[in-house]
Amino acid sequence: MKPADRAWIAAAITVTAYEITAVKLRWELLSEAVDRYRRQHPIATDCCIGFVALHLLRRWPPRIDPLAALANLFR
C-alpha cells in the first residue's frame, strides 16, 4: 500500500468518524456546513469545490495546476 492510499483511507475514516459523532452529538454535518458556506459565499465555495475536483480528476493542464505547483515547491 502506498502512502497516498493510506492518506485516502485516513481521510475516509476521519470523515466517517466525524459524521457519526456529529449525528450523536447533534453537531452540524459536513454537508450542512457546505450548505452554510454556499449561502454566505456561494461563488467562493463552488470555486473551491471545483478547484479541488478538477485537481483530483486531473483536468487542470499540468503547467497551471495550482496544487501540483504547490507540491513542487516542497520537492
N, C-alpha and C. Protein backbone atom coordinates (compact mmCIF):
# COMPACT_ATOMS: atom_id res chain seq x y z
N MET A 1 0.85 -1.17 0.00
CA MET A 1 0.00 0.00 0.00
C MET A 1 0.90 1.24 0.00
N LYS A 2 0.57 2.18 -0.84
CA LYS A 2 1.36 3.41 -0.96
C LYS A 2 0.88 4.46 0.05
N PRO A 3 1.73 5.45 0.33
CA PRO A 3 1.34 6.50 1.28
C PRO A 3 0.05 7.22 0.89
N ALA A 4 -0.17 7.44 -0.40
CA ALA A 4 -1.40 8.11 -0.82
C ALA A 4 -2.63 7.26 -0.51
N ASP A 5 -2.48 5.93 -0.63
CA ASP A 5 -3.59 5.04 -0.27
C ASP A 5 -3.92 5.18 1.21
N ARG A 6 -2.88 5.22 2.04
CA ARG A 6 -3.08 5.39 3.48
C ARG A 6 -3.74 6.74 3.79
N ALA A 7 -3.35 7.77 3.06
CA ALA A 7 -3.94 9.09 3.27
C ALA A 7 -5.42 9.10 2.92
N TRP A 8 -5.80 8.44 1.81
CA TRP A 8 -7.21 8.36 1.44
C TRP A 8 -8.01 7.57 2.47
N ILE A 9 -7.44 6.49 2.97
CA ILE A 9 -8.12 5.70 4.00
C ILE A 9 -8.29 6.53 5.27
N ALA A 10 -7.24 7.24 5.66
CA ALA A 10 -7.32 8.09 6.85
C ALA A 10 -8.37 9.19 6.68
N ALA A 11 -8.43 9.78 5.49
CA ALA A 11 -9.42 10.82 5.23
C ALA A 11 -10.84 10.25 5.32
N ALA A 12 -11.05 9.08 4.73
CA ALA A 12 -12.37 8.45 4.77
C ALA A 12 -12.77 8.09 6.20
N ILE A 13 -11.83 7.57 6.98
CA ILE A 13 -12.13 7.21 8.37
C ILE A 13 -12.43 8.46 9.19
N THR A 14 -11.65 9.52 8.97
CA THR A 14 -11.86 10.77 9.71
C THR A 14 -13.22 11.38 9.41
N VAL A 15 -13.59 11.44 8.14
CA VAL A 15 -14.89 12.00 7.76
C VAL A 15 -16.02 11.14 8.33
N THR A 16 -15.89 9.83 8.21
CA THR A 16 -16.93 8.94 8.73
C THR A 16 -17.06 9.08 10.24
N ALA A 17 -15.94 9.11 10.94
CA ALA A 17 -15.98 9.26 12.40
C ALA A 17 -16.61 10.58 12.79
N TYR A 18 -16.27 11.65 12.08
CA TYR A 18 -16.87 12.96 12.39
C TYR A 18 -18.38 12.92 12.16
N GLU A 19 -18.81 12.38 11.04
CA GLU A 19 -20.24 12.35 10.72
C GLU A 19 -21.02 11.55 11.76
N ILE A 20 -20.49 10.41 12.19
CA ILE A 20 -21.16 9.60 13.22
C ILE A 20 -21.23 10.38 14.53
N THR A 21 -20.12 11.00 14.90
CA THR A 21 -20.09 11.81 16.12
C THR A 21 -21.06 12.98 16.02
N ALA A 22 -21.09 13.62 14.87
CA ALA A 22 -21.97 14.78 14.67
C ALA A 22 -23.44 14.40 14.83
N VAL A 23 -23.82 13.24 14.31
CA VAL A 23 -25.21 12.79 14.46
C VAL A 23 -25.52 12.56 15.93
N LYS A 24 -24.62 11.86 16.62
CA LYS A 24 -24.86 11.54 18.04
C LYS A 24 -24.91 12.79 18.92
N LEU A 25 -24.05 13.77 18.63
CA LEU A 25 -23.96 14.97 19.46
C LEU A 25 -24.77 16.15 18.90
N ARG A 26 -25.49 15.88 17.83
CA ARG A 26 -26.30 16.92 17.18
C ARG A 26 -25.47 18.11 16.72
N TRP A 27 -24.28 17.79 16.20
CA TRP A 27 -23.44 18.80 15.59
C TRP A 27 -23.84 18.98 14.14
N GLU A 28 -23.31 20.01 13.53
CA GLU A 28 -23.52 20.26 12.11
C GLU A 28 -22.76 19.21 11.29
N LEU A 29 -23.44 18.61 10.31
CA LEU A 29 -22.79 17.67 9.40
C LEU A 29 -21.91 18.45 8.43
N LEU A 30 -20.95 17.78 7.84
CA LEU A 30 -20.06 18.46 6.88
C LEU A 30 -20.86 19.00 5.70
N SER A 31 -21.82 18.23 5.22
CA SER A 31 -22.63 18.71 4.09
C SER A 31 -23.48 19.92 4.49
N GLU A 32 -23.91 19.96 5.74
CA GLU A 32 -24.66 21.12 6.21
C GLU A 32 -23.75 22.34 6.31
N ALA A 33 -22.50 22.12 6.68
CA ALA A 33 -21.53 23.22 6.72
C ALA A 33 -21.33 23.79 5.32
N VAL A 34 -21.25 22.90 4.33
CA VAL A 34 -21.10 23.37 2.95
C VAL A 34 -22.34 24.16 2.52
N ASP A 35 -23.52 23.72 2.95
CA ASP A 35 -24.74 24.49 2.66
C ASP A 35 -24.62 25.90 3.24
N ARG A 36 -24.11 25.99 4.46
CA ARG A 36 -23.93 27.29 5.11
C ARG A 36 -22.89 28.13 4.36
N TYR A 37 -21.78 27.49 3.99
CA TYR A 37 -20.76 28.22 3.23
C TYR A 37 -21.34 28.76 1.92
N ARG A 38 -22.15 27.93 1.27
CA ARG A 38 -22.71 28.36 -0.03
C ARG A 38 -23.70 29.50 0.14
N ARG A 39 -24.41 29.53 1.25
CA ARG A 39 -25.33 30.66 1.50
C ARG A 39 -24.53 31.94 1.71
N GLN A 40 -23.41 31.83 2.45
CA GLN A 40 -22.62 33.02 2.79
C GLN A 40 -21.69 33.45 1.66
N HIS A 41 -21.12 32.47 0.97
CA HIS A 41 -20.12 32.76 -0.08
C HIS A 41 -20.32 31.78 -1.23
N PRO A 42 -21.41 31.91 -1.98
CA PRO A 42 -21.73 30.90 -2.99
C PRO A 42 -20.66 30.74 -4.08
N ILE A 43 -20.13 31.81 -4.58
CA ILE A 43 -19.16 31.72 -5.67
C ILE A 43 -17.84 31.14 -5.15
N ALA A 44 -17.37 31.63 -4.03
CA ALA A 44 -16.10 31.13 -3.47
C ALA A 44 -16.19 29.65 -3.13
N THR A 45 -17.32 29.24 -2.55
CA THR A 45 -17.49 27.83 -2.17
C THR A 45 -17.49 26.94 -3.40
N ASP A 46 -18.28 27.30 -4.40
CA ASP A 46 -18.33 26.50 -5.62
C ASP A 46 -16.96 26.46 -6.31
N CYS A 47 -16.25 27.59 -6.30
CA CYS A 47 -14.91 27.62 -6.91
C CYS A 47 -13.94 26.71 -6.16
N CYS A 48 -13.99 26.72 -4.84
CA CYS A 48 -13.10 25.85 -4.05
C CYS A 48 -13.40 24.38 -4.31
N ILE A 49 -14.67 24.02 -4.34
CA ILE A 49 -15.05 22.64 -4.60
C ILE A 49 -14.61 22.24 -6.02
N GLY A 50 -14.88 23.11 -6.98
CA GLY A 50 -14.47 22.84 -8.37
C GLY A 50 -12.97 22.75 -8.52
N PHE A 51 -12.26 23.63 -7.83
CA PHE A 51 -10.80 23.66 -7.87
C PHE A 51 -10.22 22.32 -7.44
N VAL A 52 -10.69 21.81 -6.29
CA VAL A 52 -10.18 20.53 -5.79
C VAL A 52 -10.62 19.38 -6.69
N ALA A 53 -11.88 19.43 -7.14
CA ALA A 53 -12.38 18.37 -8.02
C ALA A 53 -11.57 18.31 -9.32
N LEU A 54 -11.29 19.46 -9.91
CA LEU A 54 -10.51 19.48 -11.15
C LEU A 54 -9.10 18.94 -10.92
N HIS A 55 -8.53 19.22 -9.76
CA HIS A 55 -7.21 18.68 -9.44
C HIS A 55 -7.28 17.16 -9.32
N LEU A 56 -8.24 16.65 -8.54
CA LEU A 56 -8.34 15.21 -8.33
C LEU A 56 -8.66 14.46 -9.62
N LEU A 57 -9.43 15.09 -10.49
CA LEU A 57 -9.76 14.47 -11.78
C LEU A 57 -8.66 14.69 -12.82
N ARG A 58 -7.64 15.43 -12.44
CA ARG A 58 -6.50 15.75 -13.32
C ARG A 58 -6.97 16.46 -14.59
N ARG A 59 -7.87 17.42 -14.39
CA ARG A 59 -8.39 18.20 -15.51
C ARG A 59 -7.68 19.53 -15.68
N TRP A 60 -6.88 19.95 -14.67
CA TRP A 60 -6.06 21.13 -14.85
C TRP A 60 -4.92 20.77 -15.79
N PRO A 61 -4.58 21.61 -16.75
CA PRO A 61 -3.36 21.36 -17.51
C PRO A 61 -2.18 21.35 -16.52
N PRO A 62 -1.26 20.40 -16.64
CA PRO A 62 -0.19 20.26 -15.64
C PRO A 62 0.56 21.55 -15.34
N ARG A 63 0.78 22.36 -16.33
CA ARG A 63 1.57 23.57 -16.09
C ARG A 63 0.82 24.63 -15.29
N ILE A 64 -0.51 24.52 -15.18
CA ILE A 64 -1.26 25.52 -14.40
C ILE A 64 -2.03 24.93 -13.23
N ASP A 65 -1.79 23.64 -12.91
CA ASP A 65 -2.47 23.03 -11.76
C ASP A 65 -1.89 23.63 -10.48
N PRO A 66 -2.68 24.45 -9.77
CA PRO A 66 -2.16 25.15 -8.60
C PRO A 66 -1.69 24.22 -7.48
N LEU A 67 -2.39 23.13 -7.23
CA LEU A 67 -1.97 22.21 -6.16
C LEU A 67 -0.70 21.47 -6.54
N ALA A 68 -0.56 21.11 -7.80
CA ALA A 68 0.67 20.48 -8.26
C ALA A 68 1.85 21.46 -8.14
N ALA A 69 1.61 22.71 -8.47
CA ALA A 69 2.66 23.73 -8.35
C ALA A 69 3.06 23.90 -6.90
N LEU A 70 2.09 23.88 -6.00
CA LEU A 70 2.39 23.99 -4.57
C LEU A 70 3.23 22.80 -4.10
N ALA A 71 2.85 21.60 -4.54
CA ALA A 71 3.61 20.40 -4.18
C ALA A 71 5.04 20.50 -4.70
N ASN A 72 5.20 21.03 -5.91
CA ASN A 72 6.54 21.17 -6.49
C ASN A 72 7.43 22.12 -5.70
N LEU A 73 6.82 23.08 -5.00
CA LEU A 73 7.62 23.98 -4.18
C LEU A 73 8.32 23.26 -3.05
N PHE A 74 7.75 22.14 -2.61
CA PHE A 74 8.30 21.41 -1.46
C PHE A 74 9.12 20.19 -1.86
N ARG A 75 9.38 20.02 -3.13
CA ARG A 75 10.21 18.90 -3.58
C ARG A 75 11.65 19.12 -3.24
